[in-house]
Amino acid sequence: MARAGVEEDCSSFNRKRILIVGGIARMESQYRRLIEEGGGVLEYHEGHMKGGTRQLENSLRRADIVLCPVNCNSHAACSIVKNMGKKHKKSVHMLPNFSLSAISRALSI
């Protein structure tokens, strides 16, 4: 059962694959709950770029919407996400922070 207000706020991402790049790894389950209660599918990438960008690019290609909180990602990671979003014609939203409310607001667009 959806939490009060979640169904209304999240109706725009029903059945969509949402990629969150970065954020706080320990909050992944909360991100997943928020998105799945709205009918979406979460794909999460921790935002680490040391191992290369292949995994990120594969995730980004599958995504319908990409969210990237800028307060917990490096400048390089944010730039890579923006550039990949343009390359693959994906909707990328740069968020001010990693909070559930910031994610919910971005998805209600």
PDB file of N, CA and C in Angstrom:
ATOM      1  N   MET A   1       0.850  -1.184   0.000  1.00  0.00           N
ATOM      2  CA  MET A   1       0.000   0.000   0.000  1.00  0.00           C
ATOM      3  C   MET A   1       0.886   1.234   0.000  1.00  0.00           C
ATOM      4  N   ALA A   2       0.584   2.224  -0.814  1.00  0.00           N
ATOM      5  CA  ALA A   2       1.384   3.435  -0.931  1.00  0.00           C
ATOM      6  C   ALA A   2       1.155   4.343   0.273  1.00  0.00           C
ATOM      7  N   ARG A   3       2.209   5.062   0.627  1.00  0.00           N
ATOM      8  CA  ARG A   3       2.082   6.049   1.693  1.00  0.00           C
ATOM      9  C   ARG A   3       1.235   7.206   1.201  1.00  0.00           C
ATOM     10  N   ALA A   4       0.634   7.927   2.130  1.00  0.00           N
ATOM     11  CA  ALA A   4      -0.207   9.064   1.779  1.00  0.00           C
ATOM     12  C   ALA A   4       0.584  10.059   0.935  1.00  0.00           C
ATOM     13  N   GLY A   5       0.021  10.451  -0.183  1.00  0.00           N
ATOM     14  CA  GLY A   5       0.648  11.452  -1.040  1.00  0.00           C
ATOM     15  C   GLY A   5       1.624  10.884  -2.044  1.00  0.00           C
ATOM     16  N   VAL A   6       2.168   9.710  -1.807  1.00  0.00           N
ATOM     17  CA  VAL A   6       3.171   9.160  -2.713  1.00  0.00           C
ATOM     18  C   VAL A   6       2.558   8.821  -4.058  1.00  0.00           C
ATOM     19  N   GLU A   7       1.378   8.209  -4.039  1.00  0.00           N
ATOM     20  CA  GLU A   7       0.749   7.810  -5.294  1.00  0.00           C
ATOM     21  C   GLU A   7       0.502   9.018  -6.190  1.00  0.00           C
ATOM     22  N   GLU A   8       0.026  10.127  -5.614  1.00  0.00           N
ATOM     23  CA  GLU A   8      -0.218  11.326  -6.397  1.00  0.00           C
ATOM     24  C   GLU A   8       1.081  11.920  -6.904  1.00  0.00           C
ATOM     25  N   ASP A   9       2.076  12.054  -6.026  1.00  0.00           N
ATOM     26  CA  ASP A   9       3.334  12.683  -6.393  1.00  0.00           C
ATOM     27  C   ASP A   9       4.101  11.871  -7.420  1.00  0.00           C
ATOM     28  N   CYS A  10       3.973  10.560  -7.396  1.00  0.00           N
ATOM     29  CA  CYS A  10       4.798   9.695  -8.205  1.00  0.00           C
ATOM     30  C   CYS A  10       4.087   9.181  -9.451  1.00  0.00           C
ATOM     31  N   SER A  11       2.890   9.650  -9.716  1.00  0.00           N
ATOM     32  CA  SER A  11       2.141   9.118 -10.848  1.00  0.00           C
ATOM     33  C   SER A  11       2.867   9.351 -12.163  1.00  0.00           C
ATOM     34  N   SER A  12       3.731  10.342 -12.236  1.00  0.00           N
ATOM     35  CA  SER A  12       4.429  10.638 -13.473  1.00  0.00           C
ATOM     36  C   SER A  12       5.527   9.632 -13.781  1.00  0.00           C
ATOM     37  N   PHE A  13       5.909   8.790 -12.830  1.00  0.00           N
ATOM     38  CA  PHE A  13       6.952   7.805 -13.125  1.00  0.00           C
ATOM     39  C   PHE A  13       6.460   6.374 -13.027  1.00  0.00           C
ATOM     40  N   ASN A  14       5.151   6.200 -13.126  1.00  0.00           N
ATOM     41  CA  ASN A  14       4.584   4.853 -13.099  1.00  0.00           C
ATOM     42  C   ASN A  14       5.188   4.012 -14.221  1.00  0.00           C
ATOM     43  N   ARG A  15       5.742   2.847 -13.846  1.00  0.00           N
ATOM     44  CA  ARG A  15       6.359   1.877 -14.751  1.00  0.00           C
ATOM     45  C   ARG A  15       7.640   2.377 -15.417  1.00  0.00           C
ATOM     46  N   LYS A  16       8.232   3.427 -14.937  1.00  0.00           N
ATOM     47  CA  LYS A  16       9.473   3.935 -15.514  1.00  0.00           C
ATOM     48  C   LYS A  16      10.663   3.469 -14.691  1.00  0.00           C
ATOM     49  N   ARG A  17      11.796   3.340 -15.373  1.00  0.00           N
ATOM     50  CA  ARG A  17      13.040   2.954 -14.719  1.00  0.00           C
ATOM     51  C   ARG A  17      13.763   4.242 -14.327  1.00  0.00           C
ATOM     52  N   ILE A  18      13.994   4.398 -13.020  1.00  0.00           N
ATOM     53  CA  ILE A  18      14.620   5.590 -12.468  1.00  0.00           C
ATOM     54  C   ILE A  18      16.035   5.217 -12.030  1.00  0.00           C
ATOM     55  N   LEU A  19      17.024   5.923 -12.566  1.00  0.00           N
ATOM     56  CA  LEU A  19      18.414   5.722 -12.159  1.00  0.00           C
ATOM     57  C   LEU A  19      18.798   6.844 -11.211  1.00  0.00           C
ATOM     58  N   ILE A  20      19.277   6.472 -10.038  1.00  0.00           N
ATOM     59  CA  ILE A  20      19.846   7.446  -9.105  1.00  0.00           C
ATOM     60  C   ILE A  20      21.349   7.212  -9.091  1.00  0.00           C
ATOM     61  N   VAL A  21      22.090   8.269  -9.409  1.00  0.00           N
ATOM     62  CA  VAL A  21      23.554   8.197  -9.407  1.00  0.00           C
ATOM     63  C   VAL A  21      24.041   8.931  -8.174  1.00  0.00           C
ATOM     64  N   GLY A  22      24.719   8.213  -7.302  1.00  0.00           N
ATOM     65  CA  GLY A  22      25.199   8.816  -6.067  1.00  0.00           C
ATOM     66  C   GLY A  22      24.120   8.756  -5.005  1.00  0.00           C
ATOM     67  N   GLY A  23      24.109   9.719  -4.174  1.00  0.00           N
ATOM     68  CA  GLY A  23      23.217   9.652  -3.031  1.00  0.00           C
ATOM     69  C   GLY A  23      23.953   8.956  -1.899  1.00  0.00           C
ATOM     70  N   ILE A  24      23.229   8.517  -0.932  1.00  0.00           N
ATOM     71  CA  ILE A  24      23.815   7.832   0.212  1.00  0.00           C
ATOM     72  C   ILE A  24      23.458   6.354   0.092  1.00  0.00           C
ATOM     73  N   ALA A  25      24.477   5.509  -0.040  1.00  0.00           N
ATOM     74  CA  ALA A  25      24.255   4.074  -0.279  1.00  0.00           C
ATOM     75  C   ALA A  25      23.352   3.450   0.775  1.00  0.00           C
ATOM     76  N   ARG A  26      23.479   3.867   2.013  1.00  0.00           N
ATOM     77  CA  ARG A  26      22.649   3.268   3.064  1.00  0.00           C
ATOM     78  C   ARG A  26      21.173   3.653   2.924  1.00  0.00           C
ATOM     79  N   MET A  27      20.875   4.623   2.060  1.00  0.00           N
ATOM     80  CA  MET A  27      19.484   5.021   1.822  1.00  0.00           C
ATOM     81  C   MET A  27      18.878   4.337   0.603  1.00  0.00           C
ATOM     82  N   GLU A  28      19.643   3.454  -0.034  1.00  0.00           N
ATOM     83  CA  GLU A  28      19.143   2.800  -1.245  1.00  0.00           C
ATOM     84  C   GLU A  28      17.789   2.131  -1.024  1.00  0.00           C
ATOM     85  N   SER A  29      17.614   1.463   0.105  1.00  0.00           N
ATOM     86  CA  SER A  29      16.333   0.790   0.359  1.00  0.00           C
ATOM     87  C   SER A  29      15.190   1.802   0.475  1.00  0.00           C
ATOM     88  N   GLN A  30      15.471   2.971   1.021  1.00  0.00           N
ATOM     89  CA  GLN A  30      14.434   4.009   1.114  1.00  0.00           C
ATOM     90  C   GLN A  30      14.124   4.583  -0.265  1.00  0.00           C
ATOM     91  N   TYR A  31      15.163   4.799  -1.102  1.00  0.00           N
ATOM     92  CA  TYR A  31      14.940   5.252  -2.480  1.00  0.00           C
ATOM     93  C   TYR A  31      14.079   4.219  -3.213  1.00  0.00           C
ATOM     94  N   ARG A  32      14.428   2.944  -3.036  1.00  0.00           N
ATOM     95  CA  ARG A  32      13.714   1.858  -3.712  1.00  0.00           C
ATOM     96  C   ARG A  32      12.246   1.841  -3.291  1.00  0.00           C
ATOM     97  N   ARG A  33      11.997   1.951  -2.003  1.00  0.00           N
ATOM     98  CA  ARG A  33      10.617   1.942  -1.506  1.00  0.00           C
ATOM     99  C   ARG A  33       9.815   3.095  -2.109  1.00  0.00           C
ATOM    100  N   LEU A  34      10.376   4.297  -2.098  1.00  0.00           N
ATOM    101  CA  LEU A  34       9.694   5.473  -2.635  1.00  0.00           C
ATOM    102  C   LEU A  34       9.334   5.268  -4.107  1.00  0.00           C
ATOM    103  N   ILE A  35      10.281   4.793  -4.883  1.00  0.00           N
ATOM    104  CA  ILE A  35      10.073   4.636  -6.322  1.00  0.00           C
ATOM    105  C   ILE A  35       9.137   3.469  -6.625  1.00  0.00           C
ATOM    106  N   GLU A  36       9.315   2.352  -5.948  1.00  0.00           N
ATOM    107  CA  GLU A  36       8.465   1.194  -6.212  1.00  0.00           C
ATOM    108  C   GLU A  36       7.027   1.428  -5.760  1.00  0.00           C
ATOM    109  N   GLU A  37       6.828   2.187  -4.685  1.00  0.00           N
ATOM    110  CA  GLU A  37       5.470   2.511  -4.260  1.00  0.00           C
ATOM    111  C   GLU A  37       4.757   3.370  -5.297  1.00  0.00           C
ATOM    112  N   GLY A  38       5.527   4.098  -6.085  1.00  0.00           N
ATOM    113  CA  GLY A  38       4.948   4.901  -7.162  1.00  0.00           C
ATOM    114  C   GLY A  38       4.832   4.138  -8.467  1.00  0.00           C
ATOM    115  N   GLY A  39       5.200   2.858  -8.439  1.00  0.00           N
ATOM    116  CA  GLY A  39       5.065   2.034  -9.633  1.00  0.00           C
ATOM    117  C   GLY A  39       6.294   2.018 -10.513  1.00  0.00           C
ATOM    118  N   GLY A  40       7.381   2.643 -10.076  1.00  0.00           N
ATOM    119  CA  GLY A  40       8.603   2.682 -10.868  1.00  0.00           C
ATOM    120  C   GLY A  40       9.566   1.568 -10.501  1.00  0.00           C
ATOM    121  N   VAL A  41      10.680   1.536 -11.206  1.00  0.00           N
ATOM    122  CA  VAL A  41      11.741   0.564 -10.967  1.00  0.00           C
ATOM    123  C   VAL A  41      13.021   1.354 -10.692  1.00  0.00           C
ATOM    124  N   LEU A  42      13.669   1.064  -9.576  1.00  0.00           N
ATOM    125  CA  LEU A  42      14.904   1.770  -9.223  1.00  0.00           C
ATOM    126  C   LEU A  42      16.115   1.035  -9.757  1.00  0.00           C
ATOM    127  N   GLU A  43      17.015   1.812 -10.334  1.00  0.00           N
ATOM    128  CA  GLU A  43      18.358   1.333 -10.629  1.00  0.00           C
ATOM    129  C   GLU A  43      19.280   2.304  -9.899  1.00  0.00           C
ATOM    130  N   TYR A  44      20.213   1.778  -9.130  1.00  0.00           N
ATOM    131  CA  TYR A  44      21.064   2.620  -8.294  1.00  0.00           C
ATOM    132  C   TYR A  44      22.532   2.413  -8.663  1.00  0.00           C
ATOM    133  N   HIS A  45      23.242   3.523  -8.833  1.00  0.00           N
ATOM    134  CA  HIS A  45      24.689   3.490  -9.079  1.00  0.00           C
ATOM    135  C   HIS A  45      25.318   4.395  -8.027  1.00  0.00           C
ATOM    136  N   GLU A  46      26.297   3.890  -7.306  1.00  0.00           N
ATOM    137  CA  GLU A  46      26.873   4.658  -6.200  1.00  0.00           C
ATOM    138  C   GLU A  46      27.593   5.930  -6.630  1.00  0.00           C
ATOM    139  N   GLY A  47      27.918   6.063  -7.898  1.00  0.00           N
ATOM    140  CA  GLY A  47      28.552   7.285  -8.383  1.00  0.00           C
ATOM    141  C   GLY A  47      30.066   7.229  -8.415  1.00  0.00           C
ATOM    142  N   HIS A  48      30.639   6.097  -8.027  1.00  0.00           N
ATOM    143  CA  HIS A  48      32.095   5.959  -8.060  1.00  0.00           C
ATOM    144  C   HIS A  48      32.553   5.797  -9.503  1.00  0.00           C
ATOM    145  N   MET A  49      33.530   6.609  -9.908  1.00  0.00           N
ATOM    146  CA  MET A  49      33.992   6.589 -11.290  1.00  0.00           C
ATOM    147  C   MET A  49      35.354   5.921 -11.460  1.00  0.00           C
ATOM    148  N   LYS A  50      35.981   5.484 -10.365  1.00  0.00           N
ATOM    149  CA  LYS A  50      37.323   4.898 -10.455  1.00  0.00           C
ATOM    150  C   LYS A  50      37.361   3.636 -11.299  1.00  0.00           C
ATOM    151  N   GLY A  51      36.318   2.834 -11.264  1.00  0.00           N
ATOM    152  CA  GLY A  51      36.285   1.582 -12.020  1.00  0.00           C
ATOM    153  C   GLY A  51      35.866   1.770 -13.464  1.00  0.00           C
ATOM    154  N   GLY A  52      35.722   3.001 -13.902  1.00  0.00           N
ATOM    155  CA  GLY A  52      35.279   3.258 -15.264  1.00  0.00           C
ATOM    156  C   GLY A  52      33.819   3.638 -15.320  1.00  0.00           C
ATOM    157  N   THR A  53      33.388   3.954 -16.506  1.00  0.00           N
ATOM    158  CA  THR A  53      32.025   4.450 -16.675  1.00  0.00           C
ATOM    159  C   THR A  53      31.111   3.470 -17.405  1.00  0.00           C
ATOM    160  N   ARG A  54      31.620   2.299 -17.761  1.00  0.00           N
ATOM    161  CA  ARG A  54      30.817   1.348 -18.537  1.00  0.00           C
ATOM    162  C   ARG A  54      29.525   0.970 -17.815  1.00  0.00           C
ATOM    163  N   GLN A  55      29.623   0.613 -16.541  1.00  0.00           N
ATOM    164  CA  GLN A  55      28.432   0.213 -15.795  1.00  0.00           C
ATOM    165  C   GLN A  55      27.433   1.379 -15.708  1.00  0.00           C
ATOM    166  N   LEU A  56      27.946   2.576 -15.454  1.00  0.00           N
ATOM    167  CA  LEU A  56      27.074   3.741 -15.387  1.00  0.00           C
ATOM    168  C   LEU A  56      26.382   3.967 -16.727  1.00  0.00           C
ATOM    169  N   GLU A  57      27.136   3.879 -17.804  1.00  0.00           N
ATOM    170  CA  GLU A  57      26.539   4.116 -19.116  1.00  0.00           C
ATOM    171  C   GLU A  57      25.484   3.058 -19.449  1.00  0.00           C
ATOM    172  N   ASN A  58      25.741   1.809 -19.098  1.00  0.00           N
ATOM    173  CA  ASN A  58      24.745   0.760 -19.325  1.00  0.00           C
ATOM    174  C   ASN A  58      23.469   1.037 -18.537  1.00  0.00           C
ATOM    175  N   SER A  59      23.625   1.443 -17.290  1.00  0.00           N
ATOM    176  CA  SER A  59      22.457   1.778 -16.460  1.00  0.00           C
ATOM    177  C   SER A  59      21.713   2.971 -17.028  1.00  0.00           C
ATOM    178  N   LEU A  60      22.464   3.965 -17.467  1.00  0.00           N
ATOM    179  CA  LEU A  60      21.854   5.178 -18.004  1.00  0.00           C
ATOM    180  C   LEU A  60      21.066   4.877 -19.277  1.00  0.00           C
ATOM    181  N   ARG A  61      21.586   4.011 -20.127  1.00  0.00           N
ATOM    182  CA  ARG A  61      20.876   3.651 -21.353  1.00  0.00           C
ATOM    183  C   ARG A  61      19.524   2.994 -21.064  1.00  0.00           C
ATOM    184  N   ARG A  62      19.450   2.206 -19.998  1.00  0.00           N
ATOM    185  CA  ARG A  62      18.208   1.528 -19.642  1.00  0.00           C
ATOM    186  C   ARG A  62      17.195   2.458 -18.970  1.00  0.00           C
ATOM    187  N   ALA A  63      17.669   3.551 -18.412  1.00  0.00           N
ATOM    188  CA  ALA A  63      16.821   4.427 -17.591  1.00  0.00           C
ATOM    189  C   ALA A  63      15.899   5.310 -18.425  1.00  0.00           C
ATOM    190  N   ASP A  64      14.747   5.606 -17.840  1.00  0.00           N
ATOM    191  CA  ASP A  64      13.843   6.599 -18.416  1.00  0.00           C
ATOM    192  C   ASP A  64      14.142   7.978 -17.838  1.00  0.00           C
ATOM    193  N   ILE A  65      14.509   8.002 -16.563  1.00  0.00           N
ATOM    194  CA  ILE A  65      14.809   9.251 -15.853  1.00  0.00           C
ATOM    195  C   ILE A  65      16.073   9.030 -15.039  1.00  0.00           C
ATOM    196  N   VAL A  66      16.961  10.036 -15.049  1.00  0.00           N
ATOM    197  CA  VAL A  66      18.213   9.956 -14.292  1.00  0.00           C
ATOM    198  C   VAL A  66      18.232  11.080 -13.269  1.00  0.00           C
ATOM    199  N   LEU A  67      18.517  10.726 -12.007  1.00  0.00           N
ATOM    200  CA  LEU A  67      18.624  11.704 -10.924  1.00  0.00           C
ATOM    201  C   LEU A  67      20.039  11.686 -10.393  1.00  0.00           C
ATOM    202  N   CYS A  68      20.610  12.871 -10.219  1.00  0.00           N
ATOM    203  CA  CYS A  68      21.997  12.970  -9.763  1.00  0.00           C
ATOM    204  C   CYS A  68      22.100  14.070  -8.704  1.00  0.00           C
ATOM    205  N   PRO A  69      22.158  13.698  -7.428  1.00  0.00           N
ATOM    206  CA  PRO A  69      22.313  14.707  -6.373  1.00  0.00           C
ATOM    207  C   PRO A  69      23.733  15.270  -6.388  1.00  0.00           C
ATOM    208  N   VAL A  70      23.851  16.585  -6.512  1.00  0.00           N
ATOM    209  CA  VAL A  70      25.170  17.197  -6.679  1.00  0.00           C
ATOM    210  C   VAL A  70      25.959  17.316  -5.375  1.00  0.00           C
ATOM    211  N   ASN A  71      25.288  17.270  -4.226  1.00  0.00           N
ATOM    212  CA  ASN A  71      26.019  17.471  -2.977  1.00  0.00           C
ATOM    213  C   ASN A  71      26.809  16.249  -2.535  1.00  0.00           C
ATOM    214  N   CYS A  72      26.622  15.114  -3.190  1.00  0.00           N
ATOM    215  CA  CYS A  72      27.358  13.919  -2.771  1.00  0.00           C
ATOM    216  C   CYS A  72      28.014  13.212  -3.955  1.00  0.00           C
ATOM    217  N   ASN A  73      28.175  13.919  -5.056  1.00  0.00           N
ATOM    218  CA  ASN A  73      28.901  13.413  -6.219  1.00  0.00           C
ATOM    219  C   ASN A  73      30.013  14.390  -6.557  1.00  0.00           C
ATOM    220  N   SER A  74      31.078  13.867  -7.124  1.00  0.00           N
ATOM    221  CA  SER A  74      32.166  14.740  -7.547  1.00  0.00           C
ATOM    222  C   SER A  74      31.725  15.561  -8.758  1.00  0.00           C
ATOM    223  N   HIS A  75      32.462  16.633  -9.010  1.00  0.00           N
ATOM    224  CA  HIS A  75      32.191  17.458 -10.185  1.00  0.00           C
ATOM    225  C   HIS A  75      32.333  16.606 -11.446  1.00  0.00           C
ATOM    226  N   ALA A  76      33.355  15.752 -11.466  1.00  0.00           N
ATOM    227  CA  ALA A  76      33.584  14.882 -12.619  1.00  0.00           C
ATOM    228  C   ALA A  76      32.407  13.935 -12.838  1.00  0.00           C
ATOM    229  N   ALA A  77      31.899  13.323 -11.766  1.00  0.00           N
ATOM    230  CA  ALA A  77      30.766  12.402 -11.891  1.00  0.00           C
ATOM    231  C   ALA A  77      29.536  13.134 -12.427  1.00  0.00           C
ATOM    232  N   CYS A  78      29.273  14.332 -11.923  1.00  0.00           N
ATOM    233  CA  CYS A  78      28.127  15.116 -12.397  1.00  0.00           C
ATOM    234  C   CYS A  78      28.274  15.445 -13.885  1.00  0.00           C
ATOM    235  N   SER A  79      29.470  15.821 -14.291  1.00  0.00           N
ATOM    236  CA  SER A  79      29.715  16.136 -15.706  1.00  0.00           C
ATOM    237  C   SER A  79      29.521  14.908 -16.588  1.00  0.00           C
ATOM    238  N   ILE A  80      30.018  13.766 -16.129  1.00  0.00           N
ATOM    239  CA  ILE A  80      29.862  12.528 -16.889  1.00  0.00           C
ATOM    240  C   ILE A  80      28.383  12.189 -17.059  1.00  0.00           C
ATOM    241  N   VAL A  81      27.616  12.305 -15.984  1.00  0.00           N
ATOM    242  CA  VAL A  81      26.180  12.011 -16.046  1.00  0.00           C
ATOM    243  C   VAL A  81      25.492  12.952 -17.033  1.00  0.00           C
ATOM    244  N   LYS A  82      25.792  14.242 -16.957  1.00  0.00           N
ATOM    245  CA  LYS A  82      25.177  15.207 -17.876  1.00  0.00           C
ATOM    246  C   LYS A  82      25.521  14.875 -19.321  1.00  0.00           C
ATOM    247  N   ASN A  83      26.794  14.610 -19.586  1.00  0.00           N
ATOM    248  CA  ASN A  83      27.227  14.317 -20.953  1.00  0.00           C
ATOM    249  C   ASN A  83      26.623  13.020 -21.483  1.00  0.00           C
ATOM    250  N   MET A  84      26.565  11.991 -20.648  1.00  0.00           N
ATOM    251  CA  MET A  84      25.947  10.733 -21.074  1.00  0.00           C
ATOM    252  C   MET A  84      24.449  10.919 -21.317  1.00  0.00           C
ATOM    253  N   GLY A  85      23.824  11.734 -20.494  1.00  0.00           N
ATOM    254  CA  GLY A  85      22.400  12.005 -20.687  1.00  0.00           C
ATOM    255  C   GLY A  85      22.140  12.653 -22.037  1.00  0.00           C
ATOM    256  N   LYS A  86      22.968  13.608 -22.410  1.00  0.00           N
ATOM    257  CA  LYS A  86      22.833  14.253 -23.725  1.00  0.00           C
ATOM    258  C   LYS A  86      23.093  13.253 -24.841  1.00  0.00           C
ATOM    259  N   LYS A  87      24.152  12.475 -24.686  1.00  0.00           N
ATOM    260  CA  LYS A  87      24.530  11.486 -25.700  1.00  0.00           C
ATOM    261  C   LYS A  87      23.402  10.490 -25.974  1.00  0.00           C
ATOM    262  N   HIS A  88      22.745  10.041 -24.919  1.00  0.00           N
ATOM    263  CA  HIS A  88      21.707   9.021 -25.049  1.00  0.00           C
ATOM    264  C   HIS A  88      20.291   9.597 -24.994  1.00  0.00           C
ATOM    265  N   LYS A  89      20.201  10.932 -25.034  1.00  0.00           N
ATOM    266  CA  LYS A  89      18.906  11.629 -25.041  1.00  0.00           C
ATOM    267  C   LYS A  89      18.007  11.201 -23.880  1.00  0.00           C
ATOM    268  N   LYS A  90      18.589  11.266 -22.678  1.00  0.00           N
ATOM    269  CA  LYS A  90      17.860  10.900 -21.462  1.00  0.00           C
ATOM    270  C   LYS A  90      17.554  12.145 -20.639  1.00  0.00           C
ATOM    271  N   SER A  91      16.467  12.084 -19.914  1.00  0.00           N
ATOM    272  CA  SER A  91      16.076  13.158 -19.014  1.00  0.00           C
ATOM    273  C   SER A  91      16.934  13.068 -17.747  1.00  0.00           C
ATOM    274  N   VAL A  92      17.806  14.064 -17.545  1.00  0.00           N
ATOM    275  CA  VAL A  92      18.694  14.081 -16.383  1.00  0.00           C
ATOM    276  C   VAL A  92      18.304  15.255 -15.490  1.00  0.00           C
ATOM    277  N   HIS A  93      18.109  14.964 -14.204  1.00  0.00           N
ATOM    278  CA  HIS A  93      17.772  16.002 -13.235  1.00  0.00           C
ATOM    279  C   HIS A  93      18.894  16.075 -12.213  1.00  0.00           C
ATOM    280  N   MET A  94      19.554  17.212 -12.138  1.00  0.00           N
ATOM    281  CA  MET A  94      20.580  17.438 -11.124  1.00  0.00           C
ATOM    282  C   MET A  94      19.858  17.952  -9.879  1.00  0.00           C
ATOM    283  N   LEU A  95      19.983  17.217  -8.786  1.00  0.00           N
ATOM    284  CA  LEU A  95      19.269  17.545  -7.552  1.00  0.00           C
ATOM    285  C   LEU A  95      20.200  18.257  -6.579  1.00  0.00           C
ATOM    286  N   PRO A  96      19.673  19.166  -5.763  1.00  0.00           N
ATOM    287  CA  PRO A  96      20.518  19.876  -4.807  1.00  0.00           C
ATOM    288  C   PRO A  96      21.058  18.965  -3.708  1.00  0.00           C
ATOM    289  N   ASN A  97      20.312  17.889  -3.383  1.00  0.00           N
ATOM    290  CA  ASN A  97      20.762  16.966  -2.336  1.00  0.00           C
ATOM    291  C   ASN A  97      20.156  15.589  -2.554  1.00  0.00           C
ATOM    292  N   PHE A  98      20.477  14.681  -1.660  1.00  0.00           N
ATOM    293  CA  PHE A  98      20.086  13.277  -1.802  1.00  0.00           C
ATOM    294  C   PHE A  98      18.827  12.907  -1.024  1.00  0.00           C
ATOM    295  N   SER A  99      18.120  13.868  -0.485  1.00  0.00           N
ATOM    296  CA  SER A  99      16.976  13.572   0.377  1.00  0.00           C
ATOM    297  C   SER A  99      15.820  12.945  -0.400  1.00  0.00           C
ATOM    298  N   LEU A 100      14.990  12.221   0.325  1.00  0.00           N
ATOM    299  CA  LEU A 100      13.807  11.622  -0.285  1.00  0.00           C
ATOM    300  C   LEU A 100      12.860  12.693  -0.831  1.00  0.00           C
ATOM    301  N   SER A 101      12.778  13.819  -0.134  1.00  0.00           N
ATOM    302  CA  SER A 101      11.891  14.875  -0.608  1.00  0.00           C
ATOM    303  C   SER A 101      12.415  15.495  -1.913  1.00  0.00           C
ATOM    304  N   ALA A 102      13.729  15.630  -2.063  1.00  0.00           N
ATOM    305  CA  ALA A 102      14.292  16.155  -3.312  1.00  0.00           C
ATOM    306  C   ALA A 102      14.010  15.188  -4.466  1.00  0.00           C
ATOM    307  N   ILE A 103      14.131  13.903  -4.196  1.00  0.00           N
ATOM    308  CA  ILE A 103      13.863  12.891  -5.216  1.00  0.00           C
ATOM    309  C   ILE A 103      12.380  12.894  -5.573  1.00  0.00           C
ATOM    310  N   SER A 104      11.531  12.950  -4.582  1.00  0.00           N
ATOM    311  CA  SER A 104      10.092  12.976  -4.811  1.00  0.00           C
ATOM    312  C   SER A 104       9.682  14.209  -5.622  1.00  0.00           C
ATOM    313  N   ARG A 105      10.246  15.372  -5.284  1.00  0.00           N
ATOM    314  CA  ARG A 105       9.936  16.593  -6.033  1.00  0.00           C
ATOM    315  C   ARG A 105      10.373  16.470  -7.493  1.00  0.00           C
ATOM    316  N   ALA A 106      11.555  15.927  -7.731  1.00  0.00           N
ATOM    317  CA  ALA A 106      12.057  15.795  -9.097  1.00  0.00           C
ATOM    318  C   ALA A 106      11.164  14.864  -9.928  1.00  0.00           C
ATOM    319  N   LEU A 107      10.632  13.840  -9.293  1.00  0.00           N
ATOM    320  CA  LEU A 107       9.806  12.871 -10.008  1.00  0.00           C
ATOM    321  C   LEU A 107       8.376  13.338 -10.221  1.00  0.00           C
ATOM    322  N   SER A 108       7.967  14.363  -9.517  1.00  0.00           N
ATOM    323  CA  SER A 108       6.605  14.851  -9.688  1.00  0.00           C
ATOM    324  C   SER A 108       6.507  15.832 -10.852  1.00  0.00           C
ATOM    325  N   ILE A 109       7.629  16.076 -11.520  1.00  0.00           N
ATOM    326  CA  ILE A 109       7.653  16.996 -12.671  1.00  0.00           C
ATOM    327  C   ILE A 109       6.949  16.376 -13.844  1.00  0.00           C
TER     328      ILE A 109
END
